[in-house]
C-alpha cells in the first residue's frame, strides 16, 4: 500500500508580512483564472472577440460568489441565525461555504445580461458563449474543491480505505471533496472532446455540463454527513440535483429536436 490515508493540511492559511492568505480563496482565484483562459480559447475558436470572456467574468464572477454564498446561508441558516449562530460570519467567505447552485444561477444571469449588453458579441448567440465557457467552469469547480480540503470540510461517511481522508481528532472519512473534483475534471474533458465530434445545437454543451454535474453531485451528496436541510428525509441538494438535472436534459432534448426539425 502506497499510503494509508489522505492527510489533512496543518493550516488553512499562511502569512506574508502583515498579509494573511487563505488557501480556499486562492483556490477560487486560480479556478477563475483557469476558467477564463480556457473559455477565452474556446470562444475565440468559435469566432468570438478575445477580450469578451474576461470582460464578462468581471461581472459574472463576483455575482457567482455572492450567489453561492447566499444559497449556502439560506440552506444552512442554523449556522448563522440559530441559537449558536453568528450572523456576521455569513460574510466570511474565505472560511468556506459556497452553494454551487446559487453560484451558477446568479453568475449565469449576470453573464447573460452583460453579454446581451455587450457590443463585442459580433452576432454570436449567448448559447455559443455558454458552450465555450462550460468546461472551464467545471475545472474551476474542481480547483475550488481543493479549497475545501484546506478547510477540513466536505467529507463523507466514515471510511477506512487507502484514500480515506484523515480528520485529526475525528477519524477517517470519504474524501467527498476529491470525488467531486475528479468528477468535474472528467466531465470537463468529455465536453472538451465532444464539440468537434458533434452536431449539437448551441447551448447543448452547457446543458450537458449541468446535467452531468447534477448526476455526479446527486450521487456524491448521498455520502455527505455535514448538516443539511432535508426534504422527506433526503438532503436538499439531492433534490436540487434531480430537478436541475432533469431540466437540463429536457432543454437538451427539445433544443436538438427543434434543430433536427428545421434541418
Protein backbone atom coordinates (compact mmCIF):
# COMPACT_ATOMS: atom_id res chain seq x y z
CA UNK A 1 0.00 0.00 0.00
CA UNK A 2 1.49 3.35 -1.05
CA UNK A 3 -0.35 5.38 1.58
CA UNK A 4 -2.74 4.68 4.41
CA UNK A 5 -4.87 7.80 4.11
CA UNK A 6 -5.03 11.35 2.79
CA UNK A 7 -3.71 13.71 5.47
CA UNK A 8 -5.47 16.95 6.32
CA UNK A 9 -3.49 20.19 5.86
CA UNK A 10 -2.00 21.62 9.00
CA UNK A 11 -3.35 25.09 8.26
CA UNK A 12 -5.93 26.76 6.05
CA UNK A 13 -3.90 29.94 5.64
CA UNK A 14 -0.42 31.44 5.58
CA UNK A 15 1.02 34.86 6.25
CA UNK A 16 3.45 37.05 4.38
CA UNK A 17 4.32 40.06 6.50
CA UNK A 18 1.08 41.73 7.62
CA UNK A 19 -0.98 39.91 4.99
CA UNK A 20 -2.94 36.70 5.56
CA UNK A 21 -3.74 34.46 2.61
CA UNK A 22 -6.44 31.80 2.80
CA UNK A 23 -5.95 28.72 0.63
CA UNK A 24 -9.68 28.48 -0.02
CA UNK A 25 -9.74 31.97 -1.52
CA UNK A 26 -6.59 31.28 -3.53
CA UNK A 27 -8.16 28.12 -4.96
CA UNK A 28 -11.16 30.15 -6.11
CA UNK A 29 -8.86 32.71 -7.73
CA UNK A 30 -6.82 30.04 -9.51
CA UNK A 31 -10.04 28.38 -10.66
CA UNK A 32 -11.31 31.65 -12.11
CA UNK A 33 -8.04 32.20 -13.99
CA UNK A 34 -8.19 28.70 -15.47
CA UNK A 35 -11.85 29.10 -16.43
CA UNK A 36 -11.33 32.48 -18.10
CA UNK A 37 -8.30 31.35 -20.09
CA UNK A 38 -9.88 28.12 -21.30
CA UNK A 39 -13.18 29.86 -22.01
CA UNK A 40 -11.35 32.56 -23.98
CA UNK A 41 -9.54 29.97 -26.10
CA UNK A 42 -12.74 28.09 -26.87
CA UNK A 43 -14.77 31.24 -27.56
CA UNK A 44 -12.15 32.68 -29.91
CA UNK A 45 -12.16 29.34 -31.78
CA UNK A 46 -15.86 29.97 -32.40
CA UNK A 47 -15.16 33.39 -33.88
CA UNK A 48 -15.59 35.41 -30.69
CA UNK A 49 -13.71 38.51 -29.56
CA UNK A 50 -10.57 37.68 -27.49
CA UNK A 51 -11.39 40.12 -24.68
CA UNK A 52 -15.07 39.34 -24.20
CA UNK A 53 -14.75 36.34 -21.86
CA UNK A 54 -12.58 38.36 -19.49
CA UNK A 55 -14.95 41.31 -19.67
CA UNK A 56 -17.94 39.12 -18.83
CA UNK A 57 -16.00 37.45 -15.99
CA UNK A 58 -15.54 40.82 -14.27
CA UNK A 59 -19.31 40.87 -13.75
CA UNK A 60 -20.16 37.18 -13.57
CA UNK A 61 -17.52 36.02 -11.07
CA UNK A 62 -18.49 38.41 -8.24
CA UNK A 63 -22.15 37.65 -8.93
CA UNK A 64 -21.41 33.93 -8.76
CA UNK A 65 -19.57 34.26 -5.46
CA UNK A 66 -22.41 36.29 -3.98
CA UNK A 67 -25.00 33.85 -5.30
CA UNK A 68 -23.08 30.87 -3.97
CA UNK A 69 -22.80 32.40 -0.53
CA UNK A 70 -26.47 33.41 -0.42
CA UNK A 71 -27.54 29.87 -1.33
CA UNK A 72 -25.31 28.40 1.36
CA UNK A 73 -26.59 30.77 4.04
CA UNK A 74 -30.23 30.22 3.07
CA UNK A 75 -29.89 26.42 3.09
CA UNK A 76 -27.83 26.35 6.32
CA UNK A 77 -29.50 29.09 8.40
CA UNK A 78 -28.75 27.43 11.73
CA UNK A 79 -25.04 28.17 11.25
CA UNK A 80 -25.69 31.90 11.12
CA UNK A 81 -29.06 32.66 12.67
CA UNK A 82 -29.66 29.76 15.08
CA UNK A 83 -29.22 29.79 18.83
CA UNK A 84 -25.45 29.41 18.43
CA UNK A 85 -25.23 31.18 15.08
CA UNK A 86 -23.21 34.25 14.23
CA UNK A 87 -24.89 36.42 11.55
CA UNK A 88 -21.68 38.33 10.86
CA UNK A 89 -19.87 35.10 9.91
CA UNK A 90 -22.13 34.87 6.86
CA UNK A 91 -19.70 37.36 5.31
CA UNK A 92 -16.63 35.18 5.97
CA UNK A 93 -16.49 33.59 2.53
CA UNK A 94 -12.83 32.60 2.95
CA UNK A 95 -13.83 30.11 5.64
CA UNK A 96 -15.78 28.05 3.12
CA UNK A 97 -19.46 27.55 2.47
CA UNK A 98 -20.44 28.14 -1.14
CA UNK A 99 -23.56 26.69 -2.76
CA UNK A 100 -22.76 25.84 -6.37
CA UNK A 101 -26.41 26.16 -7.39
CA UNK A 102 -26.53 29.76 -6.25
CA UNK A 103 -23.17 30.48 -7.85
CA UNK A 104 -24.20 29.07 -11.22
CA UNK A 105 -27.63 30.74 -11.16
CA UNK A 106 -26.58 34.28 -10.29
CA UNK A 107 -23.32 34.06 -12.21
CA UNK A 108 -25.14 32.78 -15.31
CA UNK A 109 -27.75 35.55 -15.04
CA UNK A 110 -25.08 38.22 -14.69
CA UNK A 111 -23.17 36.77 -17.66
CA UNK A 112 -26.31 36.72 -19.80
CA UNK A 113 -27.14 40.35 -19.00
CA UNK A 114 -23.56 41.51 -19.58
CA UNK A 115 -23.31 39.55 -22.83
CA UNK A 116 -26.62 40.89 -24.08
CA UNK A 117 -25.48 44.46 -23.47
CA UNK A 118 -22.02 44.00 -24.95
CA UNK A 119 -21.20 45.50 -28.34
CA UNK A 120 -18.46 42.93 -28.95
CA UNK A 121 -20.56 39.80 -29.45
CA UNK A 122 -20.31 40.03 -33.26
CA UNK A 123 -23.72 38.43 -33.54
CA UNK A 124 -22.60 35.23 -31.81
CA UNK A 125 -25.50 33.92 -29.68
CA UNK A 126 -25.15 33.65 -25.92
CA UNK A 127 -25.73 29.88 -26.19
CA UNK A 128 -22.45 29.56 -28.10
CA UNK A 129 -20.70 31.64 -25.45
CA UNK A 130 -22.14 29.37 -22.74
CA UNK A 131 -20.87 26.29 -24.56
CA UNK A 132 -17.39 27.81 -24.74
CA UNK A 133 -17.11 28.51 -21.02
CA UNK A 134 -18.74 25.32 -19.69
CA UNK A 135 -15.60 23.11 -19.40
CA UNK A 136 -13.67 25.93 -17.76
CA UNK A 137 -16.37 26.37 -15.13
CA UNK A 138 -16.07 22.66 -14.30
CA UNK A 139 -12.31 22.95 -13.89
CA UNK A 140 -12.83 25.99 -11.66
CA UNK A 141 -15.21 23.92 -9.52
CA UNK A 142 -12.64 21.13 -9.34
CA UNK A 143 -9.93 23.51 -8.16
CA UNK A 144 -12.31 25.17 -5.73
CA UNK A 145 -12.96 21.81 -4.07
CA UNK A 146 -9.28 21.64 -3.15
CA UNK A 147 -10.01 24.67 -1.00
CA UNK A 148 -12.47 22.53 0.96
CA UNK A 149 -9.59 20.17 1.73
CA UNK A 150 -7.56 23.01 3.21
CA UNK A 151 -10.57 23.98 5.34
CA UNK A 152 -11.04 20.37 6.51
CA UNK A 153 -14.61 20.33 5.27
CA UNK A 154 -16.72 18.46 2.74
CA UNK A 155 -16.01 14.92 3.85
CA UNK A 156 -18.41 11.99 3.93
CA UNK A 157 -19.25 8.90 5.91
CA UNK A 158 -16.60 7.02 7.91
CA UNK A 159 -14.30 5.09 5.58
CA UNK A 160 -11.08 3.16 6.13
CA UNK A 161 -9.94 2.64 2.54
CA UNK A 162 -6.47 3.67 1.32
CA UNK A 163 -7.76 7.02 0.06
CA UNK A 164 -9.66 7.87 3.26
CA UNK A 165 -9.39 11.45 4.48
CA UNK A 166 -7.82 11.74 7.93
CA UNK A 167 -9.51 14.44 10.02
CA UNK A 168 -7.45 14.85 13.22
CA UNK A 169 -9.46 14.07 16.31
CA UNK A 170 -12.40 12.71 14.33
CA UNK A 171 -11.19 9.76 12.27
CA UNK A 172 -11.15 8.59 8.65
CA UNK A 173 -13.84 9.59 6.16
CA UNK A 174 -14.75 9.55 2.47
CA UNK A 175 -12.91 12.47 0.77
CA UNK A 176 -16.03 13.91 -0.81
CA UNK A 177 -14.16 16.99 -1.98
CA UNK A 178 -11.86 14.72 -4.01
CA UNK A 179 -14.72 12.72 -5.52
CA UNK A 180 -16.42 15.85 -6.76
CA UNK A 181 -13.18 17.37 -8.01
CA UNK A 182 -12.36 14.27 -10.05
CA UNK A 183 -15.91 14.11 -11.40
CA UNK A 184 -15.74 17.74 -12.53
CA UNK A 185 -12.41 17.15 -14.27
CA UNK A 186 -13.76 14.05 -16.00
CA UNK A 187 -16.88 15.83 -17.27
CA UNK A 188 -14.79 18.80 -18.43
CA UNK A 189 -12.56 16.52 -20.51
CA UNK A 190 -15.61 14.82 -22.03
CA UNK A 191 -17.12 18.16 -23.03
CA UNK A 192 -13.83 19.42 -24.47
CA UNK A 193 -13.58 16.33 -26.69
CA UNK A 194 -17.27 16.30 -27.57
CA UNK A 195 -17.59 19.51 -29.55
CA UNK A 196 -15.53 18.56 -32.65
CA UNK A 197 -17.37 15.25 -32.95
CA UNK A 198 -20.92 16.52 -32.55
CA UNK A 199 -23.58 18.48 -34.37
CA UNK A 200 -25.38 19.54 -31.24
CA UNK A 201 -27.34 22.77 -31.21
CA UNK A 202 -25.76 25.80 -29.50
CA UNK A 203 -26.33 25.63 -25.76
CA UNK A 204 -26.15 21.82 -25.68
CA UNK A 205 -22.64 21.67 -24.23
CA UNK A 206 -23.67 23.87 -21.33
CA UNK A 207 -26.81 21.79 -20.80
CA UNK A 208 -24.69 18.63 -20.77
CA UNK A 209 -22.40 20.27 -18.22
CA UNK A 210 -25.34 20.97 -15.93
CA UNK A 211 -26.92 17.51 -16.42
CA UNK A 212 -23.69 15.55 -15.93
CA UNK A 213 -22.60 17.60 -12.95
CA UNK A 214 -26.01 17.05 -11.36
CA UNK A 215 -25.68 13.30 -11.89
CA UNK A 216 -22.37 13.14 -10.08
CA UNK A 217 -23.34 15.64 -7.41
CA UNK A 218 -26.56 13.82 -6.64
CA UNK A 219 -24.70 10.55 -6.05
CA UNK A 220 -21.86 12.13 -4.08
CA UNK A 221 -24.33 14.06 -1.94
CA UNK A 222 -25.70 10.79 -0.53
CA UNK A 223 -22.46 10.06 1.32
CA UNK A 224 -22.00 13.51 2.84
CA UNK A 225 -22.57 13.80 6.58
CA UNK A 226 -22.38 17.56 7.13
CA UNK A 227 -25.51 19.31 8.33
CA UNK A 228 -28.03 19.94 5.56
CA UNK A 229 -31.69 20.77 5.10
CA UNK A 230 -33.82 17.68 4.50
CA UNK A 231 -36.99 17.18 2.45
CA UNK A 232 -38.75 13.88 3.18
CA UNK A 233 -35.54 12.70 4.80
CA UNK A 234 -33.43 13.40 1.70
CA UNK A 235 -30.78 16.12 1.51
CA UNK A 236 -31.92 19.29 -0.24
CA UNK A 237 -29.02 19.18 -2.69
CA UNK A 238 -30.06 15.72 -3.87
CA UNK A 239 -33.49 17.09 -4.77
CA UNK A 240 -31.87 20.11 -6.39
CA UNK A 241 -29.61 17.83 -8.45
CA UNK A 242 -32.62 15.84 -9.67
CA UNK A 243 -34.73 18.88 -10.56
CA UNK A 244 -31.94 20.90 -12.19
CA UNK A 245 -30.51 17.86 -13.95
CA UNK A 246 -33.89 16.89 -15.40
CA UNK A 247 -34.44 20.48 -16.51
CA UNK A 248 -31.10 20.47 -18.33
CA UNK A 249 -31.93 17.18 -20.06
CA UNK A 250 -35.35 18.45 -21.16
CA UNK A 251 -33.71 21.59 -22.58
CA UNK A 252 -31.08 19.47 -24.34
CA UNK A 253 -33.66 17.19 -25.96
CA UNK A 254 -36.02 19.99 -27.02
CA UNK A 255 -33.17 22.13 -28.31
CA UNK A 256 -31.79 19.40 -30.56
CA UNK A 257 -35.21 18.09 -31.58
CA UNK A 258 -36.12 21.57 -32.79
CA UNK A 259 -32.86 21.79 -34.70
CA UNK A 260 -33.46 18.43 -36.36
CA UNK A 261 -36.93 19.54 -37.42
CA UNK A 262 -35.51 22.68 -39.00
CA UNK A 263 -32.78 20.78 -40.85
